[in-house]
Amino acid sequence: MSEQNTVQNMVQENAVLRSRVAVLEEELAFAQDQLAWLKKQIFGRKTEQASVIMDNLQLSLFPEEQKPQLQQKSETVTVPEHKRKKRTHDDWMSKLPIEVKEYKEVDPVCENCGAEMKNIGKEKAYDELVYTPAKFHIRRHIVYTYKCPECGEKPENDAAHSDDIERCNIRRAEYPKPMIPGSFCSPELLAHIVYEKYAKAVPLHRQEKDFSSKHIPLLKATMSNWVGAAAEKWCLPIVEEMHRLLLAGDVIHADETRIQVLHEEGRKATAESKMWVYCNGRMNDRSIVIFDYKPTRKGENAQAFLQGFEGYLVRDGYSGYHVVTGVKHCGCMTHARRYFVNALPKDKSVQETSAAAEAVRYFEQIYHEENLLSGMTAEERYKQRQVKVKPLLDAFFAWLETLQVSGKSTLSKAVAYALNEKPYLYTFLENGNVPIDNNRAENAIRPFAVGRKNWLFSNTANGAKCSAAMYSIVATAQANGLDAERYLTELFSKSEGTIILPWEDKNEGSL
């Protein structure tokens, strides 16, 4: 009897150990996936271009059974005859000022016979683009004062007036007030400081060192105060107007990223706050990009910003966006595809036949057809999507629902994300102006993420709000093809509160 108990105990112990080993193997696989992902983030390529991913995986853009059909179609395509314009520098060089350098000989003499030589012509040898480093000078404002020679000098002229009038009339000539009272800040200087930080990601402490090397003792604290004053008095009114115009559109992209604020009431210095970004659809005649600082990632922040908007909201799968009401939620195809790219097996010998690779193929087919519609009108794009894109999306989800996945693997996460976002990934088919992904918001937020690596954190919440206003102005100006520094110079040259929108639109008084 004791031997039988011993055997049963050994069997039970073996089952427990097997179960434990299975759990540990699953945890190990999960840890290895995390390690591989972290290595890729630090050392790997960040590109998501299909050509790079598919080349690395040696995957076909289309399944094998579709290749002959696509090749047959390509033979019937007629490419219109065209002439390619030769690329030269003349177009943009002709818009720049020209400094002419002439090289002559004084009293040229023939080296053969000694006779005096005559000029018979000249020619251009070559052009070169010259960069002139920054120069500093003082703009000194001299104001003249004037006095009336009659008032207070002749009693008969003042007799008709009451005794409380000013007997001596003195006044100054009209002159522009300083941009920031009590400072030597000029519009040009502040525009350069703002452009360096928010367009080129040069922190103020590095600018301080650069100014010092040019013998200009301009402190970081001084520049910070100037930027804060400019954001509050000049930029915030413009951002508010941009916000109003953004809500009046049909499509808004939304995304968010982290920001650290050292001194914020009720929060630790190590706590992560959020910088939200909102921008209009890519199929507009002008771009609007707005950054909005909030201490948390709660969906109520997006709800407050988008209050009154009734169009299409393009966002990722973050659950916080679900609290936003009154909008049509659109999923991001790139996010869904990214999950499957991260789920590709590390063993290259099985990559091509894996379920993750098959999913990537479906996405590449969808994007291929969508890209062919880029030059169409919204109505044409809507019709073609129903014929070309929707069947592919239907086929992808029909295939996806047949997959049997479990556990905490990256593949199971990819499948769960896609199935949860399924109703929102179909929304773009309703309107030809709605994009297929949220890449526009991700691209808009990227300069902020690059700058964050340099300046690391904001000192106060008010500073973070000022940075949001500055990033909004600079990012919008650049997205609309403006010279952001020139635009800022013109803006700061006007009185505070002046609305000059960062795009070219003379009807609205913009630059």
Protein backbone atom coordinates (compact mmCIF):
# COMPACT_ATOMS: atom_id res chain seq x y z
CA MET A 1 0.00 0.00 0.00
CA SER A 2 2.84 2.35 0.80
CA GLU A 3 4.46 1.65 -2.59
CA GLN A 4 1.18 2.50 -4.33
CA ASN A 5 0.98 5.79 -2.43
CA THR A 6 4.54 6.52 -3.35
CA VAL A 7 3.81 5.98 -7.03
CA GLN A 8 0.72 8.18 -6.87
CA ASN A 9 2.68 10.89 -5.10
CA MET A 10 5.38 10.70 -7.77
CA VAL A 11 2.76 10.93 -10.53
CA GLN A 12 1.13 13.95 -8.89
CA GLU A 13 4.49 15.61 -8.31
CA ASN A 14 5.44 14.96 -11.93
CA ALA A 15 2.20 16.58 -13.13
CA VAL A 16 2.83 19.60 -10.92
CA LEU A 17 6.38 19.91 -12.19
CA ARG A 18 5.27 19.59 -15.81
CA SER A 19 2.71 22.32 -15.25
CA ARG A 20 5.36 24.47 -13.58
CA VAL A 21 7.78 23.92 -16.46
CA ALA A 22 5.09 24.92 -18.97
CA VAL A 23 4.43 28.15 -17.03
CA LEU A 24 8.15 28.92 -16.80
CA GLU A 25 8.64 28.25 -20.52
CA GLU A 26 5.82 30.64 -21.31
CA GLU A 27 7.29 33.28 -19.00
CA LEU A 28 10.72 32.75 -20.56
CA ALA A 29 9.31 33.19 -24.06
CA PHE A 30 7.56 36.37 -22.95
CA ALA A 31 10.78 37.71 -21.37
CA GLN A 32 12.75 36.87 -24.53
CA ASP A 33 10.19 38.71 -26.65
CA GLN A 34 10.49 41.74 -24.38
CA LEU A 35 14.29 41.61 -24.53
CA ALA A 36 14.25 41.35 -28.32
CA TRP A 37 11.84 44.29 -28.55
CA LEU A 38 14.01 46.43 -26.24
CA LYS A 39 17.13 45.59 -28.26
CA LYS A 40 15.33 46.56 -31.44
CA GLN A 41 14.25 49.88 -29.91
CA ILE A 42 17.81 50.69 -28.88
CA PHE A 43 19.92 49.20 -31.67
CA GLY A 44 17.51 48.31 -34.48
CA ARG A 45 16.12 50.28 -37.38
CA LYS A 46 12.99 52.26 -36.60
CA THR A 47 11.70 52.35 -40.16
CA GLU A 48 8.37 50.71 -40.95
CA GLN A 49 8.71 50.93 -44.72
CA ALA A 50 7.31 47.86 -46.39
CA SER A 51 10.32 47.50 -48.66
CA VAL A 52 12.68 47.21 -45.69
CA ILE A 53 10.52 44.84 -43.62
CA MET A 54 9.61 42.60 -46.52
CA ASP A 55 13.19 42.49 -47.77
CA ASN A 56 14.51 41.51 -44.35
CA LEU A 57 11.91 38.77 -44.04
CA GLN A 58 12.15 37.73 -47.67
CA LEU A 59 8.38 37.91 -47.86
CA SER A 60 6.40 38.42 -51.02
CA LEU A 61 4.23 41.52 -51.26
CA PHE A 62 1.36 39.28 -52.35
CA PRO A 63 0.54 35.61 -51.79
CA GLU A 64 1.81 33.22 -54.43
CA GLU A 65 -1.63 32.58 -55.90
CA GLN A 66 -2.08 36.27 -56.65
CA LYS A 67 1.22 36.88 -58.39
CA PRO A 68 0.22 35.71 -61.91
CA GLN A 69 -2.96 37.76 -61.82
CA LEU A 70 -1.12 40.92 -60.79
CA GLN A 71 1.55 40.38 -63.42
CA GLN A 72 -1.11 39.96 -66.08
CA LYS A 73 -2.79 43.20 -65.02
CA SER A 74 0.48 45.09 -65.07
CA GLU A 75 0.97 44.19 -68.76
CA THR A 76 -2.22 46.08 -69.72
CA VAL A 77 -1.35 49.31 -67.92
CA THR A 78 -0.59 52.19 -70.30
CA VAL A 79 1.85 54.78 -68.97
CA PRO A 80 1.36 58.23 -70.58
CA GLU A 81 4.33 59.60 -72.41
CA HIS A 82 6.15 62.35 -70.52
CA LYS A 83 9.39 64.27 -70.44
CA ARG A 84 11.41 64.42 -67.25
CA LYS A 85 12.66 67.88 -66.31
CA LYS A 86 16.39 68.08 -65.83
CA ARG A 87 17.26 68.82 -62.22
CA THR A 88 19.23 72.03 -61.79
CA HIS A 89 19.90 74.54 -59.04
CA ASP A 90 18.82 77.51 -61.14
CA ASP A 91 15.26 77.66 -59.79
CA TRP A 92 16.09 78.29 -56.16
CA MET A 93 19.42 80.02 -56.75
CA SER A 94 17.74 82.68 -58.90
CA LYS A 95 15.78 83.83 -55.81
CA LEU A 96 18.90 84.59 -53.76
CA PRO A 97 20.95 87.81 -53.81
CA ILE A 98 24.11 87.59 -55.85
CA GLU A 99 27.56 88.80 -54.86
CA VAL A 100 29.73 89.23 -57.96
CA LYS A 101 33.46 88.69 -57.79
CA GLU A 102 35.40 89.83 -60.88
CA TYR A 103 38.97 88.88 -61.63
CA LYS A 104 40.91 91.18 -63.94
CA GLU A 105 44.49 91.76 -64.87
CA VAL A 106 45.96 95.25 -64.54
CA ASP A 107 47.65 96.29 -67.80
CA PRO A 108 47.88 92.77 -69.25
CA VAL A 109 50.88 92.19 -71.49
CA CYS A 110 51.41 89.35 -73.96
CA GLU A 111 53.99 86.97 -72.61
CA ASN A 112 55.11 86.12 -76.17
CA CYS A 113 55.70 89.51 -77.84
CA GLY A 114 55.21 92.03 -75.04
CA ALA A 115 52.26 93.82 -76.71
CA GLU A 116 49.40 95.28 -74.62
CA MET A 117 46.43 92.88 -74.48
CA LYS A 118 42.77 93.94 -74.88
CA ASN A 119 39.63 92.66 -73.15
CA ILE A 120 37.50 90.59 -75.53
CA GLY A 121 34.85 89.27 -73.13
CA LYS A 122 34.02 87.68 -69.81
CA GLU A 123 32.36 84.47 -68.63
CA LYS A 124 30.98 82.88 -65.46
CA ALA A 125 33.40 80.38 -64.02
CA TYR A 126 31.15 78.89 -61.30
CA ASP A 127 28.64 79.70 -58.53
CA GLU A 128 28.97 78.83 -54.88
CA LEU A 129 26.47 79.06 -52.03
CA VAL A 130 27.80 81.26 -49.20
CA TYR A 131 26.69 81.05 -45.57
CA THR A 132 26.99 84.18 -43.44
CA PRO A 133 27.21 83.47 -39.70
CA ALA A 134 24.88 85.28 -37.31
CA LYS A 135 25.76 88.89 -36.55
CA PHE A 136 24.68 90.99 -33.60
CA HIS A 137 24.14 94.74 -33.45
CA ILE A 138 22.31 97.20 -31.23
CA ARG A 139 19.14 98.85 -32.48
CA ARG A 140 19.07 102.08 -30.48
CA HIS A 141 15.71 103.88 -30.36
CA ILE A 142 16.12 107.67 -30.07
CA VAL A 143 12.94 109.59 -29.28
CA TYR A 144 12.68 113.32 -29.87
CA THR A 145 10.78 115.59 -27.49
CA TYR A 146 8.90 118.70 -28.60
CA LYS A 147 7.70 121.81 -26.76
CA CYS A 148 5.15 124.40 -27.82
CA PRO A 149 6.72 127.88 -27.76
CA GLU A 150 3.36 129.60 -27.16
CA CYS A 151 1.71 127.61 -24.36
CA GLY A 152 2.74 128.96 -20.94
CA GLU A 153 4.70 131.82 -22.43
CA LYS A 154 1.90 134.22 -23.41
CA PRO A 155 -0.71 134.77 -20.67
CA GLU A 156 -3.25 136.09 -23.15
CA ASN A 157 -3.34 132.71 -24.90
CA ASP A 158 -4.05 130.91 -21.63
CA ALA A 159 -6.60 133.36 -20.15
CA ALA A 160 -9.58 131.64 -21.70
CA HIS A 161 -8.65 128.31 -20.14
CA SER A 162 -9.17 127.12 -16.59
CA ASP A 163 -6.39 127.17 -14.06
CA ASP A 164 -5.93 123.40 -14.08
CA ILE A 165 -4.64 123.19 -17.65
CA GLU A 166 -1.01 122.38 -18.36
CA ARG A 167 0.71 125.70 -19.07
CA CYS A 168 3.65 124.16 -20.92
CA ASN A 169 2.77 121.65 -23.71
CA ILE A 170 5.53 119.07 -24.17
CA ARG A 171 5.24 115.76 -25.98
CA ARG A 172 7.36 112.93 -27.38
CA ALA A 173 7.34 111.52 -30.87
CA GLU A 174 5.50 108.25 -31.36
CA TYR A 175 7.77 105.19 -31.05
CA PRO A 176 7.28 101.42 -30.69
CA LYS A 177 7.30 100.11 -27.16
CA PRO A 178 9.82 97.38 -26.27
CA MET A 179 8.60 93.87 -26.94
CA ILE A 180 9.19 92.85 -23.34
CA PRO A 181 9.31 95.87 -20.97
CA GLY A 182 12.63 96.31 -19.23
CA SER A 183 14.53 93.96 -21.53
CA PHE A 184 16.80 94.27 -24.55
CA CYS A 185 14.89 91.52 -26.39
CA SER A 186 14.14 92.14 -30.08
CA PRO A 187 11.67 90.26 -32.30
CA GLU A 188 14.52 88.88 -34.38
CA LEU A 189 16.44 87.62 -31.36
CA LEU A 190 13.46 85.94 -29.71
CA ALA A 191 12.34 84.37 -33.00
CA HIS A 192 15.81 82.85 -33.35
CA ILE A 193 15.76 81.49 -29.78
CA VAL A 194 12.30 79.95 -30.24
CA TYR A 195 13.21 78.48 -33.63
CA GLU A 196 16.41 76.93 -32.29
CA LYS A 197 14.62 75.21 -29.41
CA TYR A 198 11.29 74.18 -30.90
CA ALA A 199 12.30 73.52 -34.51
CA LYS A 200 15.92 72.38 -34.14
CA ALA A 201 15.70 70.86 -30.62
CA VAL A 202 18.52 73.00 -29.19
CA PRO A 203 17.86 73.46 -25.43
CA LEU A 204 18.23 76.87 -23.84
CA HIS A 205 21.33 75.88 -21.85
CA ARG A 206 23.10 74.96 -25.10
CA GLN A 207 22.00 78.23 -26.66
CA GLU A 208 23.45 80.01 -23.62
CA LYS A 209 26.81 78.40 -24.33
CA ASP A 210 26.57 79.32 -28.01
CA PHE A 211 25.77 82.96 -27.22
CA SER A 212 28.63 83.02 -24.73
CA SER A 213 31.06 81.82 -27.40
CA LYS A 214 29.98 84.85 -29.43
CA HIS A 215 30.58 87.13 -26.42
CA ILE A 216 26.87 87.65 -25.72
CA PRO A 217 26.20 86.92 -21.99
CA LEU A 218 22.58 85.82 -22.42
CA LEU A 219 21.49 83.57 -19.55
CA LYS A 220 19.18 80.57 -19.80
CA ALA A 221 16.85 82.03 -17.15
CA THR A 222 16.49 85.25 -19.14
CA MET A 223 15.66 83.40 -22.35
CA SER A 224 13.18 81.20 -20.48
CA ASN A 225 11.33 84.27 -19.18
CA TRP A 226 11.23 85.76 -22.69
CA VAL A 227 9.86 82.57 -24.22
CA GLY A 228 7.20 82.33 -21.52
CA ALA A 229 6.09 85.92 -22.10
CA ALA A 230 5.97 85.42 -25.89
CA ALA A 231 3.96 82.21 -25.56
CA GLU A 232 1.39 83.84 -23.28
CA LYS A 233 0.98 87.18 -25.09
CA TRP A 234 1.53 86.29 -28.76
CA CYS A 235 1.14 82.55 -29.30
CA LEU A 236 -1.77 81.45 -27.09
CA PRO A 237 -4.35 83.67 -28.89
CA ILE A 238 -3.24 82.15 -32.21
CA VAL A 239 -3.43 78.60 -30.83
CA GLU A 240 -6.98 79.31 -29.62
CA GLU A 241 -7.97 80.41 -33.13
CA MET A 242 -6.28 77.33 -34.61
CA HIS A 243 -8.24 75.21 -32.13
CA ARG A 244 -11.50 76.75 -33.32
CA LEU A 245 -10.64 76.06 -36.97
CA LEU A 246 -9.54 72.51 -36.17
CA LEU A 247 -12.86 71.65 -34.53
CA ALA A 248 -14.69 73.01 -37.57
CA GLY A 249 -13.08 70.40 -39.83
CA ASP A 250 -14.17 66.86 -40.69
CA VAL A 251 -11.16 64.82 -39.54
CA ILE A 252 -8.92 65.10 -36.48
CA HIS A 253 -5.94 62.91 -35.62
CA ALA A 254 -5.00 62.45 -31.96
CA ASP A 255 -2.01 60.99 -30.17
CA GLU A 256 -0.05 61.53 -26.97
CA THR A 257 3.45 61.10 -25.59
CA ARG A 258 5.15 61.45 -22.25
CA ILE A 259 6.67 64.57 -20.72
CA GLN A 260 8.27 64.99 -17.31
CA VAL A 261 7.49 68.09 -15.21
CA LEU A 262 9.69 68.56 -12.14
CA HIS A 263 7.59 70.99 -10.11
CA GLU A 264 3.89 70.29 -10.40
CA GLU A 265 1.44 70.63 -7.56
CA GLY A 266 0.40 67.32 -6.07
CA ARG A 267 2.75 65.21 -8.23
CA LYS A 268 6.22 63.78 -7.78
CA ALA A 269 9.09 65.00 -9.93
CA THR A 270 9.45 61.50 -11.37
CA ALA A 271 5.78 61.29 -12.42
CA GLU A 272 5.08 61.21 -16.14
CA SER A 273 2.70 63.77 -17.59
CA LYS A 274 1.34 63.76 -21.14
CA MET A 275 1.68 66.00 -24.16
CA TRP A 276 -1.29 65.46 -26.45
CA VAL A 277 -1.20 66.36 -30.12
CA TYR A 278 -4.14 67.00 -32.44
CA CYS A 279 -3.97 67.72 -36.15
CA ASN A 280 -6.33 67.89 -39.09
CA GLY A 281 -6.51 65.37 -41.91
CA ARG A 282 -3.82 65.22 -44.56
CA MET A 283 -6.33 65.86 -47.35
CA ASN A 284 -6.68 69.59 -46.54
CA ASP A 285 -5.29 72.70 -48.17
CA ARG A 286 -3.57 73.70 -44.91
CA SER A 287 -2.16 71.90 -41.89
CA ILE A 288 -3.07 72.55 -38.26
CA VAL A 289 -1.01 70.96 -35.48
CA ILE A 290 -1.85 71.68 -31.84
CA PHE A 291 -0.02 70.42 -28.75
CA ASP A 292 -1.94 70.33 -25.48
CA TYR A 293 -0.24 69.67 -22.14
CA LYS A 294 -2.12 67.68 -19.50
CA PRO A 295 -0.78 66.01 -16.33
CA THR A 296 -2.52 62.69 -17.06
CA ARG A 297 -3.47 60.36 -19.93
CA LYS A 298 -7.15 60.24 -18.97
CA GLY A 299 -9.60 60.22 -21.84
CA GLU A 300 -11.43 63.18 -20.29
CA ASN A 301 -8.57 65.38 -21.53
CA ALA A 302 -9.33 64.44 -25.14
CA GLN A 303 -13.05 64.85 -24.48
CA ALA A 304 -12.50 68.40 -23.17
CA PHE A 305 -10.28 69.40 -26.10
CA LEU A 306 -12.63 67.93 -28.73
CA GLN A 307 -15.81 69.34 -27.20
CA GLY A 308 -18.13 70.29 -30.06
CA PHE A 309 -16.33 68.21 -32.72
CA GLU A 310 -18.65 65.87 -34.62
CA GLY A 311 -16.41 64.46 -37.34
CA TYR A 312 -14.03 61.51 -37.61
CA LEU A 313 -11.48 60.98 -34.83
CA VAL A 314 -8.47 58.95 -35.98
CA ARG A 315 -6.55 57.44 -33.05
CA ASP A 316 -4.82 54.30 -31.82
CA GLY A 317 -6.38 51.59 -29.66
CA TYR A 318 -5.92 53.36 -26.31
CA SER A 319 -9.14 52.81 -24.32
CA GLY A 320 -9.16 56.40 -23.05
CA TYR A 321 -10.37 57.62 -26.43
CA HIS A 322 -13.59 55.67 -26.01
CA VAL A 323 -14.88 58.28 -23.54
CA VAL A 324 -14.90 60.87 -26.36
CA THR A 325 -18.52 61.18 -27.43
CA GLY A 326 -20.16 62.76 -30.47
CA VAL A 327 -17.45 61.60 -32.87
CA LYS A 328 -16.92 58.70 -35.28
CA HIS A 329 -13.97 56.67 -34.04
CA CYS A 330 -11.44 55.50 -36.62
CA GLY A 331 -8.76 52.92 -35.89
CA CYS A 332 -5.16 53.01 -37.11
CA MET A 333 -4.13 50.35 -39.61
CA THR A 334 -0.46 51.03 -38.96
CA HIS A 335 -0.82 50.23 -35.27
CA ALA A 336 -2.54 46.94 -36.05
CA ARG A 337 0.14 46.06 -38.59
CA ARG A 338 2.93 47.01 -36.14
CA TYR A 339 1.74 44.44 -33.61
CA PHE A 340 2.11 41.67 -36.19
CA VAL A 341 5.52 42.94 -37.31
CA ASN A 342 6.69 42.74 -33.68
CA ALA A 343 5.23 39.22 -33.48
CA LEU A 344 7.37 37.86 -36.33
CA PRO A 345 9.44 34.88 -35.13
CA LYS A 346 13.08 35.53 -34.38
CA ASP A 347 14.01 32.32 -36.17
CA LYS A 348 14.29 33.42 -39.80
CA SER A 349 13.79 29.89 -41.09
CA VAL A 350 10.14 29.92 -39.98
CA GLN A 351 9.36 33.59 -40.50
CA GLU A 352 7.93 33.28 -43.97
CA THR A 353 5.45 30.57 -43.03
CA SER A 354 4.39 32.12 -39.72
CA ALA A 355 0.93 33.53 -38.99
CA ALA A 356 2.45 36.95 -38.26
CA ALA A 357 4.05 37.03 -41.71
CA GLU A 358 0.74 36.10 -43.31
CA ALA A 359 -0.93 38.99 -41.47
CA VAL A 360 1.77 41.37 -42.68
CA ARG A 361 1.07 40.25 -46.23
CA TYR A 362 -2.61 41.12 -45.83
CA PHE A 363 -1.70 44.59 -44.60
CA GLU A 364 0.71 45.14 -47.48
CA GLN A 365 -2.03 44.27 -49.97
CA ILE A 366 -4.40 46.71 -48.27
CA TYR A 367 -1.82 49.51 -48.29
CA HIS A 368 -0.87 48.76 -51.87
CA GLU A 369 -4.46 49.26 -53.06
CA GLU A 370 -4.94 52.31 -50.82
CA ASN A 371 -1.82 54.01 -52.15
CA LEU A 372 -3.11 53.65 -55.71
CA LEU A 373 -6.06 55.89 -54.73
CA SER A 374 -3.98 58.80 -53.43
CA GLY A 375 -4.55 61.03 -56.46
CA MET A 376 -8.33 60.61 -56.58
CA THR A 377 -11.09 62.85 -55.29
CA ALA A 378 -12.88 61.91 -52.07
CA GLU A 379 -15.88 60.53 -53.95
CA GLU A 380 -13.74 58.46 -56.32
CA ARG A 381 -11.65 57.18 -53.42
CA TYR A 382 -14.79 56.17 -51.52
CA LYS A 383 -16.08 54.13 -54.46
CA GLN A 384 -12.75 52.44 -55.18
CA ARG A 385 -12.27 51.55 -51.53
CA GLN A 386 -15.52 49.58 -51.61
CA VAL A 387 -14.31 47.65 -54.64
CA LYS A 388 -10.58 47.25 -53.94
CA VAL A 389 -9.86 47.72 -50.22
CA LYS A 390 -12.92 46.42 -48.38
CA PRO A 391 -12.71 42.86 -49.79
CA LEU A 392 -9.10 42.65 -48.62
CA LEU A 393 -10.04 43.85 -45.14
CA ASP A 394 -12.90 41.33 -45.03
CA ALA A 395 -10.54 38.55 -46.06
CA PHE A 396 -8.01 39.53 -43.40
CA PHE A 397 -10.50 39.41 -40.53
CA ALA A 398 -12.08 36.20 -41.85
CA TRP A 399 -8.64 34.60 -41.78
CA LEU A 400 -7.76 36.19 -38.41
CA GLU A 401 -10.81 34.73 -36.69
CA THR A 402 -9.68 31.23 -37.63
CA LEU A 403 -6.35 31.57 -35.79
CA GLN A 404 -6.00 29.64 -32.55
CA VAL A 405 -3.74 31.62 -30.20
CA SER A 406 -3.40 31.69 -26.45
CA GLY A 407 -1.10 32.85 -23.69
CA LYS A 408 0.88 36.07 -23.45
CA SER A 409 2.78 35.81 -26.73
CA THR A 410 3.20 38.82 -28.99
CA LEU A 411 1.11 37.06 -31.62
CA SER A 412 -1.83 36.65 -29.25
CA LYS A 413 -1.56 40.36 -28.36
CA ALA A 414 -1.53 41.26 -32.05
CA VAL A 415 -4.61 39.18 -32.75
CA ALA A 416 -6.45 40.58 -29.72
CA TYR A 417 -5.62 44.18 -30.69
CA ALA A 418 -6.83 43.73 -34.27
CA LEU A 419 -10.08 42.02 -33.22
CA ASN A 420 -10.80 44.67 -30.57
CA GLU A 421 -10.23 47.45 -33.10
CA LYS A 422 -12.12 45.72 -35.92
CA PRO A 423 -15.20 48.01 -35.98
CA TYR A 424 -12.97 51.10 -35.93
CA LEU A 425 -10.62 49.81 -38.62
CA TYR A 426 -13.59 49.75 -40.99
CA THR A 427 -14.65 53.37 -40.35
CA PHE A 428 -12.32 54.91 -42.93
CA LEU A 429 -14.36 53.17 -45.65
CA GLU A 430 -17.29 55.51 -44.92
CA ASN A 431 -15.62 58.68 -46.22
CA GLY A 432 -13.00 59.23 -48.89
CA ASN A 433 -11.37 62.00 -46.86
CA VAL A 434 -10.70 59.80 -43.85
CA PRO A 435 -7.17 58.32 -43.86
CA ILE A 436 -6.40 54.67 -43.28
CA ASP A 437 -4.04 55.27 -40.34
CA ASN A 438 -2.88 57.76 -37.70
CA ASN A 439 0.55 58.34 -39.20
CA ARG A 440 -0.11 62.06 -39.51
CA ALA A 441 -0.33 62.49 -35.73
CA GLU A 442 2.68 60.24 -35.14
CA ASN A 443 4.76 62.29 -37.58
CA ALA A 444 3.56 65.54 -35.98
CA ILE A 445 4.60 64.42 -32.51
CA ARG A 446 8.02 63.12 -33.56
CA PRO A 447 9.86 66.52 -33.39
CA PHE A 448 8.66 66.89 -29.82
CA ALA A 449 10.01 63.43 -28.95
CA VAL A 450 13.36 64.31 -30.54
CA GLY A 451 13.55 67.58 -28.60
CA ARG A 452 12.67 65.81 -25.36
CA LYS A 453 15.86 63.76 -25.61
CA ASN A 454 17.81 67.03 -25.45
CA TRP A 455 15.94 69.17 -22.92
CA LEU A 456 14.73 66.10 -20.90
CA PHE A 457 11.99 67.80 -18.84
CA SER A 458 9.98 70.96 -18.13
CA ASN A 459 10.58 72.76 -14.88
CA THR A 460 6.97 73.77 -14.18
CA ALA A 461 3.50 73.01 -15.51
CA ASN A 462 3.26 76.59 -16.82
CA GLY A 463 6.50 76.02 -18.72
CA ALA A 464 5.06 72.85 -20.25
CA LYS A 465 1.97 74.79 -21.38
CA CYS A 466 4.17 77.48 -22.94
CA SER A 467 6.16 74.78 -24.74
CA ALA A 468 2.91 73.31 -26.06
CA ALA A 469 1.93 76.69 -27.52
CA MET A 470 5.35 77.19 -29.10
CA TYR A 471 5.43 73.69 -30.58
CA SER A 472 1.95 74.27 -32.00
CA ILE A 473 2.99 77.46 -33.77
CA VAL A 474 6.33 76.17 -35.09
CA ALA A 475 5.02 72.75 -36.17
CA THR A 476 2.06 74.29 -38.00
CA ALA A 477 4.24 76.87 -39.77
CA GLN A 478 6.67 74.18 -40.94
CA ALA A 479 3.87 71.85 -42.01
CA ASN A 480 2.55 74.64 -44.24
CA GLY A 481 5.94 75.26 -45.83
CA LEU A 482 6.66 78.58 -44.13
CA ASP A 483 10.02 79.86 -42.95
CA ALA A 484 9.17 79.46 -39.25
CA GLU A 485 11.84 81.89 -38.02
CA ARG A 486 10.73 84.59 -40.45
CA TYR A 487 7.10 84.02 -39.47
CA LEU A 488 7.95 84.34 -35.76
CA THR A 489 9.90 87.53 -36.42
CA GLU A 490 6.91 89.11 -38.13
CA LEU A 491 4.57 87.92 -35.38
CA PHE A 492 6.71 89.29 -32.54
CA SER A 493 7.05 92.59 -34.40
CA LYS A 494 3.31 93.15 -34.01
CA SER A 495 1.52 94.20 -30.84
CA GLU A 496 0.63 91.38 -28.44
CA GLY A 497 -2.64 89.66 -29.24
CA THR A 498 -2.24 90.12 -33.01
CA ILE A 499 -3.55 87.11 -34.93
CA ILE A 500 -1.26 86.04 -37.76
CA LEU A 501 -2.07 82.43 -38.60
CA PRO A 502 0.93 80.28 -39.59
CA TRP A 503 -0.09 79.59 -43.16
CA GLU A 504 -0.45 81.55 -46.38
CA ASP A 505 -4.00 82.85 -46.61
CA LYS A 506 -4.32 86.53 -47.42
CA ASN A 507 -8.10 86.46 -47.01
CA GLU A 508 -7.67 85.62 -43.34
CA GLY A 509 -4.82 87.98 -42.68
CA SER A 510 -2.25 85.22 -42.38
CA LEU A 511 1.37 85.27 -43.47
